[in-house]
Amino acid sequence: MSNEIKIEYVSGAIIVRFQRPEIRNPLSVSVLDQLLEIADDVGTRSVCKSLIFIGSGESFASGADLREITKLNSETAPAFARKGQALMNKIAALPQITIAAINGYCFGGALDLALACDRRIAAPAAKFAHPGAGLGIITGWGGTQRLPRLVGQTNALELFFTAEYISADRALRIGLVDIIADDIIKEALNKN
């Protein structure tokens, strides 16, 4: 694994920690590739009860790496979208419990990752957004399908079209997260 991700094994759980807080833990192509490998590996581990994702610093993750997004064109964008979709579908289909332990900012593709998980636990300071509309893009990783199913069409459209952040409290009220906890890792391990 690169320095972008750290893996920990705790009480039957695999914890994947995003480790680039200085740039808000982007889900770069190399991170997507590593997550695909992790999901393949976890799927074969009968002793693993859960897969937990968490960020570092003030961010869970910032979604796709915008430096990479700006280099996409009409020929390369579809493959990039399919890679993200494949990852989110793989995570959603894992037999283990998948948990997003959202410690801070959760934007764009990172929100898609959280939506692909079975459970979402937020720290009180967590913030959520799908900022694509402000950038002239929209997620291609399955969030447009999963978000309305979870929070309803009205709330989903508001998140997609306004690109504004919502708080953990609001996320709980609309059903985006299951619980708010001060110690999100402890709470995630209790769900094991």
C-alpha atoms as a PDB file:
ATOM      1  CA  MET A   1       0.000   0.000   0.000  1.00  0.00           C
ATOM      2  CA  SER A   2       1.052   3.552  -0.628  1.00  0.00           C
ATOM      3  CA  ASN A   3       1.251   6.315   1.924  1.00  0.00           C
ATOM      4  CA  GLU A   4      -2.281   7.357   0.885  1.00  0.00           C
ATOM      5  CA  ILE A   5      -3.932   4.525   2.826  1.00  0.00           C
ATOM      6  CA  LYS A   6      -3.196   2.765   6.107  1.00  0.00           C
ATOM      7  CA  ILE A   7      -4.774  -0.589   6.963  1.00  0.00           C
ATOM      8  CA  GLU A   8      -5.372  -1.752  10.534  1.00  0.00           C
ATOM      9  CA  TYR A   9      -6.757  -5.059  11.779  1.00  0.00           C
ATOM     10  CA  VAL A  10      -8.829  -4.749  14.978  1.00  0.00           C
ATOM     11  CA  SER A  11     -11.172  -7.344  16.508  1.00  0.00           C
ATOM     12  CA  GLY A  12     -12.284  -8.959  13.253  1.00  0.00           C
ATOM     13  CA  ALA A  13     -12.498  -5.614  11.461  1.00  0.00           C
ATOM     14  CA  ILE A  14     -10.313  -4.145   8.758  1.00  0.00           C
ATOM     15  CA  ILE A  15      -9.970  -0.383   9.099  1.00  0.00           C
ATOM     16  CA  VAL A  16      -8.949   1.551   5.990  1.00  0.00           C
ATOM     17  CA  ARG A  17      -7.694   5.023   6.868  1.00  0.00           C
ATOM     18  CA  PHE A  18      -7.232   7.702   4.207  1.00  0.00           C
ATOM     19  CA  GLN A  19      -3.958   9.464   5.005  1.00  0.00           C
ATOM     20  CA  ARG A  20      -3.492  12.608   2.936  1.00  0.00           C
ATOM     21  CA  PRO A  21      -5.112  15.175   5.271  1.00  0.00           C
ATOM     22  CA  GLU A  22      -3.038  18.044   3.886  1.00  0.00           C
ATOM     23  CA  ILE A  23      -5.074  17.734   0.657  1.00  0.00           C
ATOM     24  CA  ARG A  24      -8.291  16.386   2.252  1.00  0.00           C
ATOM     25  CA  ASN A  25      -7.690  12.691   1.484  1.00  0.00           C
ATOM     26  CA  PRO A  26      -8.639  12.612  -2.214  1.00  0.00           C
ATOM     27  CA  LEU A  27      -9.795   9.392  -3.839  1.00  0.00           C
ATOM     28  CA  SER A  28      -7.115   9.437  -6.524  1.00  0.00           C
ATOM     29  CA  VAL A  29      -6.850   6.764  -9.196  1.00  0.00           C
ATOM     30  CA  SER A  30      -4.152   5.029  -7.139  1.00  0.00           C
ATOM     31  CA  VAL A  31      -6.444   5.063  -4.083  1.00  0.00           C
ATOM     32  CA  LEU A  32      -9.300   3.623  -6.165  1.00  0.00           C
ATOM     33  CA  ASP A  33      -6.977   0.847  -7.368  1.00  0.00           C
ATOM     34  CA  GLN A  34      -5.905   0.083  -3.802  1.00  0.00           C
ATOM     35  CA  LEU A  35      -9.504   0.060  -2.590  1.00  0.00           C
ATOM     36  CA  LEU A  36     -10.453  -2.367  -5.373  1.00  0.00           C
ATOM     37  CA  GLU A  37      -7.626  -4.689  -4.218  1.00  0.00           C
ATOM     38  CA  ILE A  38      -8.739  -4.368  -0.594  1.00  0.00           C
ATOM     39  CA  ALA A  39     -12.365  -5.132  -1.491  1.00  0.00           C
ATOM     40  CA  ASP A  40     -11.267  -8.196  -3.483  1.00  0.00           C
ATOM     41  CA  ASP A  41      -9.174  -9.393  -0.538  1.00  0.00           C
ATOM     42  CA  VAL A  42     -11.829  -8.690   2.112  1.00  0.00           C
ATOM     43  CA  GLY A  43     -14.447 -10.567   0.112  1.00  0.00           C
ATOM     44  CA  THR A  44     -12.397 -13.770   0.517  1.00  0.00           C
ATOM     45  CA  ARG A  45     -11.833 -13.423   4.288  1.00  0.00           C
ATOM     46  CA  SER A  46     -14.473 -15.317   6.209  1.00  0.00           C
ATOM     47  CA  VAL A  47     -12.920 -14.244   9.537  1.00  0.00           C
ATOM     48  CA  CYS A  48     -13.338 -10.566   8.684  1.00  0.00           C
ATOM     49  CA  LYS A  49     -16.633  -9.275  10.067  1.00  0.00           C
ATOM     50  CA  SER A  50     -16.485  -5.681   8.853  1.00  0.00           C
ATOM     51  CA  LEU A  51     -14.682  -3.211   6.662  1.00  0.00           C
ATOM     52  CA  ILE A  52     -14.486   0.301   8.095  1.00  0.00           C
ATOM     53  CA  PHE A  53     -13.435   3.428   6.182  1.00  0.00           C
ATOM     54  CA  ILE A  54     -12.230   6.531   8.021  1.00  0.00           C
ATOM     55  CA  GLY A  55     -10.271   9.632   7.119  1.00  0.00           C
ATOM     56  CA  SER A  56      -7.533  11.553   8.875  1.00  0.00           C
ATOM     57  CA  GLY A  57      -7.252  15.165   9.899  1.00  0.00           C
ATOM     58  CA  GLU A  58     -10.415  17.159   9.298  1.00  0.00           C
ATOM     59  CA  SER A  59     -11.581  15.085   6.329  1.00  0.00           C
ATOM     60  CA  PHE A  60     -13.107  11.708   5.695  1.00  0.00           C
ATOM     61  CA  ALA A  61     -12.249  12.184   2.019  1.00  0.00           C
ATOM     62  CA  SER A  62     -12.721  14.833  -0.615  1.00  0.00           C
ATOM     63  CA  GLY A  63     -13.839  12.609  -3.443  1.00  0.00           C
ATOM     64  CA  ALA A  64     -12.137  12.306  -6.804  1.00  0.00           C
ATOM     65  CA  ASP A  65      -8.793  14.050  -7.103  1.00  0.00           C
ATOM     66  CA  LEU A  66      -9.608  17.261  -8.983  1.00  0.00           C
ATOM     67  CA  ARG A  67      -6.067  17.398 -10.402  1.00  0.00           C
ATOM     68  CA  GLU A  68      -6.849  14.111 -12.144  1.00  0.00           C
ATOM     69  CA  ILE A  69     -10.386  15.171 -13.125  1.00  0.00           C
ATOM     70  CA  THR A  70      -9.064  18.192 -15.033  1.00  0.00           C
ATOM     71  CA  LYS A  71      -6.967  15.868 -17.203  1.00  0.00           C
ATOM     72  CA  LEU A  72      -9.932  13.738 -18.291  1.00  0.00           C
ATOM     73  CA  ASN A  73     -11.375  14.047 -21.757  1.00  0.00           C
ATOM     74  CA  SER A  74     -14.215  12.421 -23.682  1.00  0.00           C
ATOM     75  CA  GLU A  75     -12.071   9.341 -24.314  1.00  0.00           C
ATOM     76  CA  THR A  76     -10.738   8.811 -20.757  1.00  0.00           C
ATOM     77  CA  ALA A  77     -13.706   9.982 -18.639  1.00  0.00           C
ATOM     78  CA  PRO A  78     -15.896   6.872 -19.213  1.00  0.00           C
ATOM     79  CA  ALA A  79     -13.160   4.496 -17.977  1.00  0.00           C
ATOM     80  CA  PHE A  80     -12.616   6.695 -14.912  1.00  0.00           C
ATOM     81  CA  ALA A  81     -16.344   6.648 -14.139  1.00  0.00           C
ATOM     82  CA  ARG A  82     -16.524   2.859 -14.636  1.00  0.00           C
ATOM     83  CA  LYS A  83     -13.598   2.338 -12.234  1.00  0.00           C
ATOM     84  CA  GLY A  84     -15.387   4.323  -9.529  1.00  0.00           C
ATOM     85  CA  GLN A  85     -18.674   2.545 -10.220  1.00  0.00           C
ATOM     86  CA  ALA A  86     -16.971  -0.863 -10.067  1.00  0.00           C
ATOM     87  CA  LEU A  87     -15.465  -0.002  -6.685  1.00  0.00           C
ATOM     88  CA  MET A  88     -18.723   1.264  -5.186  1.00  0.00           C
ATOM     89  CA  ASN A  89     -20.638  -1.759  -6.501  1.00  0.00           C
ATOM     90  CA  LYS A  90     -17.995  -4.117  -5.118  1.00  0.00           C
ATOM     91  CA  ILE A  91     -18.164  -2.474  -1.685  1.00  0.00           C
ATOM     92  CA  ALA A  92     -21.972  -2.578  -1.717  1.00  0.00           C
ATOM     93  CA  ALA A  93     -21.906  -6.298  -2.561  1.00  0.00           C
ATOM     94  CA  LEU A  94     -19.391  -7.414   0.083  1.00  0.00           C
ATOM     95  CA  PRO A  95     -20.738 -10.027   2.504  1.00  0.00           C
ATOM     96  CA  GLN A  96     -19.088  -8.208   5.420  1.00  0.00           C
ATOM     97  CA  ILE A  97     -20.643  -5.186   7.099  1.00  0.00           C
ATOM     98  CA  THR A  98     -19.219  -2.055   5.497  1.00  0.00           C
ATOM     99  CA  ILE A  99     -19.118   1.118   7.560  1.00  0.00           C
ATOM    100  CA  ALA A 100     -18.162   4.684   6.710  1.00  0.00           C
ATOM    101  CA  ALA A 101     -16.859   6.282   9.924  1.00  0.00           C
ATOM    102  CA  ILE A 102     -17.106   9.881   8.771  1.00  0.00           C
ATOM    103  CA  ASN A 103     -14.772  11.998  10.846  1.00  0.00           C
ATOM    104  CA  GLY A 104     -14.991  15.266   8.891  1.00  0.00           C
ATOM    105  CA  TYR A 105     -15.581  16.596   5.387  1.00  0.00           C
ATOM    106  CA  CYS A 106     -17.215  14.022   3.109  1.00  0.00           C
ATOM    107  CA  PHE A 107     -17.483  15.360  -0.448  1.00  0.00           C
ATOM    108  CA  GLY A 108     -18.441  14.076  -3.884  1.00  0.00           C
ATOM    109  CA  GLY A 109     -16.985  10.650  -4.573  1.00  0.00           C
ATOM    110  CA  ALA A 110     -16.301  10.190  -0.867  1.00  0.00           C
ATOM    111  CA  LEU A 111     -20.014  10.613  -0.255  1.00  0.00           C
ATOM    112  CA  ASP A 112     -20.584   8.002  -2.969  1.00  0.00           C
ATOM    113  CA  LEU A 113     -18.242   5.696  -1.028  1.00  0.00           C
ATOM    114  CA  ALA A 114     -20.194   6.320   2.177  1.00  0.00           C
ATOM    115  CA  LEU A 115     -23.458   5.636   0.320  1.00  0.00           C
ATOM    116  CA  ALA A 116     -22.095   2.292  -0.911  1.00  0.00           C
ATOM    117  CA  CYS A 117     -21.519   1.223   2.712  1.00  0.00           C
ATOM    118  CA  ASP A 118     -24.115  -0.574   4.825  1.00  0.00           C
ATOM    119  CA  ARG A 119     -23.812   1.957   7.649  1.00  0.00           C
ATOM    120  CA  ARG A 120     -22.703   5.540   8.038  1.00  0.00           C
ATOM    121  CA  ILE A 121     -21.524   6.900  11.389  1.00  0.00           C
ATOM    122  CA  ALA A 122     -20.750  10.616  11.611  1.00  0.00           C
ATOM    123  CA  ALA A 123     -18.670  12.629  14.030  1.00  0.00           C
ATOM    124  CA  PRO A 124     -20.504  15.726  15.311  1.00  0.00           C
ATOM    125  CA  ALA A 125     -18.331  17.996  13.123  1.00  0.00           C
ATOM    126  CA  ALA A 126     -18.810  15.976   9.910  1.00  0.00           C
ATOM    127  CA  LYS A 127     -19.987  17.884   6.840  1.00  0.00           C
ATOM    128  CA  PHE A 128     -21.465  16.432   3.665  1.00  0.00           C
ATOM    129  CA  ALA A 129     -21.707  17.798   0.120  1.00  0.00           C
ATOM    130  CA  HIS A 130     -21.894  16.846  -3.499  1.00  0.00           C
ATOM    131  CA  PRO A 131     -20.076  19.952  -4.817  1.00  0.00           C
ATOM    132  CA  GLY A 132     -20.066  18.893  -8.475  1.00  0.00           C
ATOM    133  CA  ALA A 133     -22.693  21.413  -9.586  1.00  0.00           C
ATOM    134  CA  GLY A 134     -20.377  24.212  -8.532  1.00  0.00           C
ATOM    135  CA  LEU A 135     -17.639  22.671 -10.672  1.00  0.00           C
ATOM    136  CA  GLY A 136     -19.822  21.889 -13.671  1.00  0.00           C
ATOM    137  CA  ILE A 137     -19.660  18.115 -13.096  1.00  0.00           C
ATOM    138  CA  ILE A 138     -21.753  15.430 -11.426  1.00  0.00           C
ATOM    139  CA  THR A 139     -20.721  12.211  -9.820  1.00  0.00           C
ATOM    140  CA  GLY A 140     -20.300   9.183 -12.028  1.00  0.00           C
ATOM    141  CA  TRP A 141     -19.779   6.691  -9.186  1.00  0.00           C
ATOM    142  CA  GLY A 142     -23.359   5.743  -8.353  1.00  0.00           C
ATOM    143  CA  GLY A 143     -24.318   8.520  -5.966  1.00  0.00           C
ATOM    144  CA  THR A 144     -27.076   9.756  -8.258  1.00  0.00           C
ATOM    145  CA  GLN A 145     -28.808   6.404  -7.720  1.00  0.00           C
ATOM    146  CA  ARG A 146     -27.966   5.633  -4.095  1.00  0.00           C
ATOM    147  CA  LEU A 147     -28.547   9.069  -2.555  1.00  0.00           C
ATOM    148  CA  PRO A 148     -32.241   9.451  -3.590  1.00  0.00           C
ATOM    149  CA  ARG A 149     -32.968   5.908  -2.395  1.00  0.00           C
ATOM    150  CA  LEU A 150     -31.552   6.776   1.013  1.00  0.00           C
ATOM    151  CA  VAL A 151     -32.744  10.348   1.623  1.00  0.00           C
ATOM    152  CA  GLY A 152     -35.554  10.797  -0.907  1.00  0.00           C
ATOM    153  CA  GLN A 153     -35.591  12.647  -4.183  1.00  0.00           C
ATOM    154  CA  THR A 154     -36.156  16.136  -2.757  1.00  0.00           C
ATOM    155  CA  ASN A 155     -33.215  15.993  -0.343  1.00  0.00           C
ATOM    156  CA  ALA A 156     -30.978  14.366  -2.946  1.00  0.00           C
ATOM    157  CA  LEU A 157     -31.766  17.000  -5.581  1.00  0.00           C
ATOM    158  CA  GLU A 158     -31.053  19.744  -3.067  1.00  0.00           C
ATOM    159  CA  LEU A 159     -27.642  18.244  -2.331  1.00  0.00           C
ATOM    160  CA  PHE A 160     -26.838  17.766  -6.015  1.00  0.00           C
ATOM    161  CA  PHE A 161     -28.086  21.132  -7.302  1.00  0.00           C
ATOM    162  CA  THR A 162     -27.001  23.507  -4.529  1.00  0.00           C
ATOM    163  CA  ALA A 163     -23.580  21.935  -3.857  1.00  0.00           C
ATOM    164  CA  GLU A 164     -23.944  23.276  -0.302  1.00  0.00           C
ATOM    165  CA  TYR A 165     -22.631  21.500   2.781  1.00  0.00           C
ATOM    166  CA  ILE A 166     -24.983  19.966   5.303  1.00  0.00           C
ATOM    167  CA  SER A 167     -24.133  19.261   8.932  1.00  0.00           C
ATOM    168  CA  ALA A 168     -24.043  15.902  10.664  1.00  0.00           C
ATOM    169  CA  ASP A 169     -27.256  16.847  12.487  1.00  0.00           C
ATOM    170  CA  ARG A 170     -29.080  17.514   9.224  1.00  0.00           C
ATOM    171  CA  ALA A 171     -27.588  14.369   7.684  1.00  0.00           C
ATOM    172  CA  LEU A 172     -29.054  12.381  10.591  1.00  0.00           C
ATOM    173  CA  ARG A 173     -32.469  14.059  10.228  1.00  0.00           C
ATOM    174  CA  ILE A 174     -32.738  13.217   6.518  1.00  0.00           C
ATOM    175  CA  GLY A 175     -31.423   9.669   6.931  1.00  0.00           C
ATOM    176  CA  LEU A 176     -28.028  10.152   5.297  1.00  0.00           C
ATOM    177  CA  VAL A 177     -26.260   8.855   8.422  1.00  0.00           C
ATOM    178  CA  ASP A 178     -27.408   6.268  10.930  1.00  0.00           C
ATOM    179  CA  ILE A 179     -25.916   7.809  14.054  1.00  0.00           C
ATOM    180  CA  ILE A 180     -23.720  10.634  15.313  1.00  0.00           C
ATOM    181  CA  ALA A 181     -21.025   9.559  17.778  1.00  0.00           C
ATOM    182  CA  ASP A 182     -18.103  11.241  19.495  1.00  0.00           C
ATOM    183  CA  ASP A 183     -15.957   8.117  19.087  1.00  0.00           C
ATOM    184  CA  ILE A 184     -16.827   6.906  15.606  1.00  0.00           C
ATOM    185  CA  ILE A 185     -14.292   4.064  15.534  1.00  0.00           C
ATOM    186  CA  LYS A 186     -15.568   2.682  18.831  1.00  0.00           C
ATOM    187  CA  GLU A 187     -19.122   2.921  17.507  1.00  0.00           C
ATOM    188  CA  ALA A 188     -18.116   1.246  14.238  1.00  0.00           C
ATOM    189  CA  LEU A 189     -16.363  -1.596  16.080  1.00  0.00           C
ATOM    190  CA  ASN A 190     -19.485  -2.058  18.233  1.00  0.00           C
ATOM    191  CA  LYS A 191     -21.441  -2.660  15.004  1.00  0.00           C
ATOM    192  CA  ASN A 192     -19.035  -5.477  14.189  1.00  0.00           C
END
